[in-house]
C-alpha cells in the first residue's frame, strides 16, 4: 500500500546521483510498500558492499 504522505514529503531529486538514488530507494523501502525496489538498485547496493 502506498504511503502518500511519505511520497509527498520525499521526492526523488532531479538528476539524482547514484548515491542519492540508493539512499532514496532504501528509505522508501522502509517507509512505503507501494512497490518492490528495482533490481538495478539492488545490484548497485550489493556492488557497493564489495570492496
PDB file of N, CA and C in Angstrom:
ATOM      1  N   UNK A   1       0.839  -1.181   0.000  1.00  0.00           N
ATOM      2  CA  UNK A   1       0.000   0.000   0.000  1.00  0.00           C
ATOM      3  C   UNK A   1       0.884   1.245   0.000  1.00  0.00           C
ATOM      4  N   UNK A   2       0.455   2.255  -0.730  1.00  0.00           N
ATOM      5  CA  UNK A   2       1.253   3.479  -0.858  1.00  0.00           C
ATOM      6  C   UNK A   2       1.141   4.352   0.393  1.00  0.00           C
ATOM      7  N   UNK A   3       2.263   4.915   0.780  1.00  0.00           N
ATOM      8  CA  UNK A   3       2.316   5.873   1.879  1.00  0.00           C
ATOM      9  C   UNK A   3       2.376   7.256   1.225  1.00  0.00           C
ATOM     10  N   UNK A   4       1.200   7.802   0.917  1.00  0.00           N
ATOM     11  CA  UNK A   4       1.097   9.049   0.166  1.00  0.00           C
ATOM     12  C   UNK A   4       1.826  10.195   0.856  1.00  0.00           C
ATOM     13  N   UNK A   5       1.686  10.309   2.170  1.00  0.00           N
ATOM     14  CA  UNK A   5       2.356  11.391   2.903  1.00  0.00           C
ATOM     15  C   UNK A   5       3.869  11.312   2.742  1.00  0.00           C
ATOM     16  N   UNK A   6       4.412  10.104   2.835  1.00  0.00           N
ATOM     17  CA  UNK A   6       5.858   9.938   2.691  1.00  0.00           C
ATOM     18  C   UNK A   6       6.294  10.372   1.289  1.00  0.00           C
ATOM     19  N   UNK A   7       5.567   9.925   0.277  1.00  0.00           N
ATOM     20  CA  UNK A   7       5.912  10.276  -1.103  1.00  0.00           C
ATOM     21  C   UNK A   7       5.860  11.790  -1.332  1.00  0.00           C
ATOM     22  N   UNK A   8       4.872  12.458  -0.778  1.00  0.00           N
ATOM     23  CA  UNK A   8       4.757  13.909  -0.958  1.00  0.00           C
ATOM     24  C   UNK A   8       5.907  14.658  -0.302  1.00  0.00           C
ATOM     25  N   UNK A   9       6.410  14.129   0.801  1.00  0.00           N
ATOM     26  CA  UNK A   9       7.488  14.794   1.545  1.00  0.00           C
ATOM     27  C   UNK A   9       8.881  14.357   1.102  1.00  0.00           C
ATOM     28  N   UNK A  10       8.972  13.289   0.315  1.00  0.00           N
ATOM     29  CA  UNK A  10      10.279  12.713  -0.025  1.00  0.00           C
ATOM     30  C   UNK A  10      10.370  12.404  -1.508  1.00  0.00           C
ATOM     31  N   UNK A  11      10.410  13.430  -2.301  1.00  0.00           N
ATOM     32  CA  UNK A  11      10.514  13.251  -3.745  1.00  0.00           C
ATOM     33  C   UNK A  11      11.951  12.903  -4.126  1.00  0.00           C
ATOM     34  N   UNK A  12      12.075  12.098  -5.169  1.00  0.00           N
ATOM     35  CA  UNK A  12      13.396  11.793  -5.711  1.00  0.00           C
ATOM     36  C   UNK A  12      13.964  13.090  -6.289  1.00  0.00           C
ATOM     37  N   UNK A  13      15.225  13.414  -5.977  1.00  0.00           N
ATOM     38  CA  UNK A  13      15.815  14.640  -6.531  1.00  0.00           C
ATOM     39  C   UNK A  13      15.889  14.573  -8.061  1.00  0.00           C
ATOM     40  N   UNK A  14      15.899  15.745  -8.703  1.00  0.00           N
ATOM     41  CA  UNK A  14      16.076  15.786 -10.156  1.00  0.00           C
ATOM     42  C   UNK A  14      17.513  15.401 -10.469  1.00  0.00           C
ATOM     43  N   UNK A  15      17.688  14.573 -11.482  1.00  0.00           N
ATOM     44  CA  UNK A  15      19.013  14.106 -11.888  1.00  0.00           C
ATOM     45  C   UNK A  15      19.831  13.599 -10.707  1.00  0.00           C
ATOM     46  N   UNK A  16      19.309  12.615  -9.982  1.00  0.00           N
ATOM     47  CA  UNK A  16      19.999  12.149  -8.769  1.00  0.00           C
ATOM     48  C   UNK A  16      21.294  11.408  -9.089  1.00  0.00           C
ATOM     49  N   UNK A  17      22.241  11.541  -8.184  1.00  0.00           N
ATOM     50  CA  UNK A  17      23.469  10.751  -8.292  1.00  0.00           C
ATOM     51  C   UNK A  17      23.123   9.310  -7.921  1.00  0.00           C
ATOM     52  N   UNK A  18      24.035   8.409  -8.151  1.00  0.00           N
ATOM     53  CA  UNK A  18      23.810   7.012  -7.778  1.00  0.00           C
ATOM     54  C   UNK A  18      23.597   6.898  -6.274  1.00  0.00           C
ATOM     55  N   UNK A  19      24.403   7.611  -5.508  1.00  0.00           N
ATOM     56  CA  UNK A  19      24.262   7.571  -4.045  1.00  0.00           C
ATOM     57  C   UNK A  19      22.903   8.106  -3.605  1.00  0.00           C
ATOM     58  N   UNK A  20      22.429   9.170  -4.249  1.00  0.00           N
ATOM     59  CA  UNK A  20      21.110   9.720  -3.910  1.00  0.00           C
ATOM     60  C   UNK A  20      20.002   8.731  -4.257  1.00  0.00           C
ATOM     61  N   UNK A  21      20.132   8.056  -5.391  1.00  0.00           N
ATOM     62  CA  UNK A  21      19.136   7.057  -5.792  1.00  0.00           C
ATOM     63  C   UNK A  21      19.083   5.910  -4.800  1.00  0.00           C
ATOM     64  N   UNK A  22      20.262   5.419  -4.418  1.00  0.00           N
ATOM     65  CA  UNK A  22      20.320   4.314  -3.459  1.00  0.00           C
ATOM     66  C   UNK A  22      19.682   4.744  -2.137  1.00  0.00           C
ATOM     67  N   UNK A  23      20.075   5.917  -1.628  1.00  0.00           N
ATOM     68  CA  UNK A  23      19.544   6.401  -0.349  1.00  0.00           C
ATOM     69  C   UNK A  23      18.021   6.543  -0.419  1.00  0.00           C
ATOM     70  N   UNK A  24      17.505   7.111  -1.513  1.00  0.00           N
ATOM     71  CA  UNK A  24      16.060   7.300  -1.645  1.00  0.00           C
ATOM     72  C   UNK A  24      15.338   5.956  -1.633  1.00  0.00           C
ATOM     73  N   UNK A  25      15.831   4.996  -2.413  1.00  0.00           N
ATOM     74  CA  UNK A  25      15.156   3.700  -2.505  1.00  0.00           C
ATOM     75  C   UNK A  25      15.220   2.914  -1.196  1.00  0.00           C
ATOM     76  N   UNK A  26      16.329   2.993  -0.484  1.00  0.00           N
ATOM     77  CA  UNK A  26      16.436   2.304   0.812  1.00  0.00           C
ATOM     78  C   UNK A  26      15.444   2.914   1.796  1.00  0.00           C
ATOM     79  N   UNK A  27      15.394   4.239   1.847  1.00  0.00           N
ATOM     80  CA  UNK A  27      14.451   4.912   2.734  1.00  0.00           C
ATOM     81  C   UNK A  27      13.014   4.616   2.316  1.00  0.00           C
ATOM     82  N   UNK A  28      12.763   4.601   1.021  1.00  0.00           N
ATOM     83  CA  UNK A  28      11.432   4.289   0.507  1.00  0.00           C
ATOM     84  C   UNK A  28      10.994   2.896   0.940  1.00  0.00           C
ATOM     85  N   UNK A  29      11.879   1.929   0.822  1.00  0.00           N
ATOM     86  CA  UNK A  29      11.540   0.551   1.195  1.00  0.00           C
ATOM     87  C   UNK A  29      11.172   0.443   2.673  1.00  0.00           C
ATOM     88  N   UNK A  30      11.776   1.282   3.507  1.00  0.00           N
ATOM     89  CA  UNK A  30      11.490   1.258   4.945  1.00  0.00           C
ATOM     90  C   UNK A  30      10.171   1.945   5.295  1.00  0.00           C
ATOM     91  N   UNK A  31       9.695   2.836   4.406  1.00  0.00           N
ATOM     92  CA  UNK A  31       8.542   3.669   4.730  1.00  0.00           C
ATOM     93  C   UNK A  31       7.310   3.455   3.872  1.00  0.00           C
ATOM     94  N   UNK A  32       7.436   2.700   2.801  1.00  0.00           N
ATOM     95  CA  UNK A  32       6.313   2.547   1.887  1.00  0.00           C
ATOM     96  C   UNK A  32       6.387   1.181   1.216  1.00  0.00           C
ATOM     97  N   UNK A  33       5.233   0.573   1.025  1.00  0.00           N
ATOM     98  CA  UNK A  33       5.181  -0.756   0.410  1.00  0.00           C
ATOM     99  C   UNK A  33       4.460  -0.718  -0.941  1.00  0.00           C
ATOM    100  N   UNK A  34       4.567   0.416  -1.643  1.00  0.00           N
ATOM    101  CA  UNK A  34       3.822   0.546  -2.889  1.00  0.00           C
ATOM    102  C   UNK A  34       4.422  -0.280  -4.022  1.00  0.00           C
ATOM    103  N   UNK A  35       5.718  -0.553  -3.955  1.00  0.00           N
ATOM    104  CA  UNK A  35       6.354  -1.376  -4.985  1.00  0.00           C
ATOM    105  C   UNK A  35       7.683  -1.900  -4.461  1.00  0.00           C
ATOM    106  N   UNK A  36       8.155  -2.911  -5.131  1.00  0.00           N
ATOM    107  CA  UNK A  36       9.437  -3.506  -4.763  1.00  0.00           C
ATOM    108  C   UNK A  36      10.578  -2.641  -5.300  1.00  0.00           C
ATOM    109  N   UNK A  37      11.706  -2.678  -4.618  1.00  0.00           N
ATOM    110  CA  UNK A  37      12.875  -1.947  -5.057  1.00  0.00           C
ATOM    111  C   UNK A  37      13.333  -2.486  -6.418  1.00  0.00           C
ATOM    112  N   UNK A  38      13.664  -1.604  -7.363  1.00  0.00           N
ATOM    113  CA  UNK A  38      14.113  -2.065  -8.680  1.00  0.00           C
ATOM    114  C   UNK A  38      15.370  -2.931  -8.586  1.00  0.00           C
ATOM    115  N   UNK A  39      15.453  -3.909  -9.455  1.00  0.00           N
ATOM    116  CA  UNK A  39      16.615  -4.804  -9.475  1.00  0.00           C
ATOM    117  C   UNK A  39      17.914  -4.029  -9.697  1.00  0.00           C
ATOM    118  N   UNK A  40      17.861  -2.991 -10.517  1.00  0.00           N
ATOM    119  CA  UNK A  40      19.072  -2.205 -10.790  1.00  0.00           C
ATOM    120  C   UNK A  40      19.609  -1.566  -9.510  1.00  0.00           C
ATOM    121  N   UNK A  41      18.719  -1.110  -8.637  1.00  0.00           N
ATOM    122  CA  UNK A  41      19.139  -0.509  -7.368  1.00  0.00           C
ATOM    123  C   UNK A  41      19.667  -1.584  -6.432  1.00  0.00           C
ATOM    124  N   UNK A  42      19.021  -2.737  -6.392  1.00  0.00           N
ATOM    125  CA  UNK A  42      19.505  -3.847  -5.559  1.00  0.00           C
ATOM    126  C   UNK A  42      20.919  -4.229  -5.954  1.00  0.00           C
ATOM    127  N   UNK A  43      21.196  -4.260  -7.263  1.00  0.00           N
ATOM    128  CA  UNK A  43      22.541  -4.606  -7.734  1.00  0.00           C
ATOM    129  C   UNK A  43      23.555  -3.543  -7.340  1.00  0.00           C
ATOM    130  N   UNK A  44      23.162  -2.262  -7.443  1.00  0.00           N
ATOM    131  CA  UNK A  44      24.069  -1.190  -7.031  1.00  0.00           C
ATOM    132  C   UNK A  44      24.401  -1.293  -5.555  1.00  0.00           C
ATOM    133  N   UNK A  45      23.405  -1.593  -4.734  1.00  0.00           N
ATOM    134  CA  UNK A  45      23.632  -1.741  -3.289  1.00  0.00           C
ATOM    135  C   UNK A  45      24.563  -2.914  -3.036  1.00  0.00           C
ATOM    136  N   UNK A  46      24.295  -4.029  -3.680  1.00  0.00           N
ATOM    137  CA  UNK A  46      25.131  -5.210  -3.495  1.00  0.00           C
ATOM    138  C   UNK A  46      26.566  -4.934  -3.935  1.00  0.00           C
ATOM    139  N   UNK A  47      26.738  -4.271  -5.066  1.00  0.00           N
ATOM    140  CA  UNK A  47      28.072  -3.979  -5.572  1.00  0.00           C
ATOM    141  C   UNK A  47      28.812  -2.965  -4.707  1.00  0.00           C
ATOM    142  N   UNK A  48      28.081  -2.080  -4.045  1.00  0.00           N
ATOM    143  CA  UNK A  48      28.735  -1.090  -3.202  1.00  0.00           C
ATOM    144  C   UNK A  48      29.282  -1.698  -1.919  1.00  0.00           C
ATOM    145  N   UNK A  49      28.781  -2.872  -1.550  1.00  0.00           N
ATOM    146  CA  UNK A  49      29.259  -3.565  -0.347  1.00  0.00           C
ATOM    147  C   UNK A  49      30.531  -4.352  -0.596  1.00  0.00           C
ATOM    148  N   UNK A  50      30.841  -4.597  -1.857  1.00  0.00           N
ATOM    149  CA  UNK A  50      32.032  -5.371  -2.220  1.00  0.00           C
ATOM    150  C   UNK A  50      33.205  -4.419  -2.350  1.00  0.00           C
ATOM    151  N   UNK A  51      34.308  -4.769  -1.690  1.00  0.00           N
ATOM    152  CA  UNK A  51      35.499  -3.926  -1.767  1.00  0.00           C
ATOM    153  C   UNK A  51      36.661  -4.682  -2.318  1.00  0.00           C
TER     154      UNK A  51
END
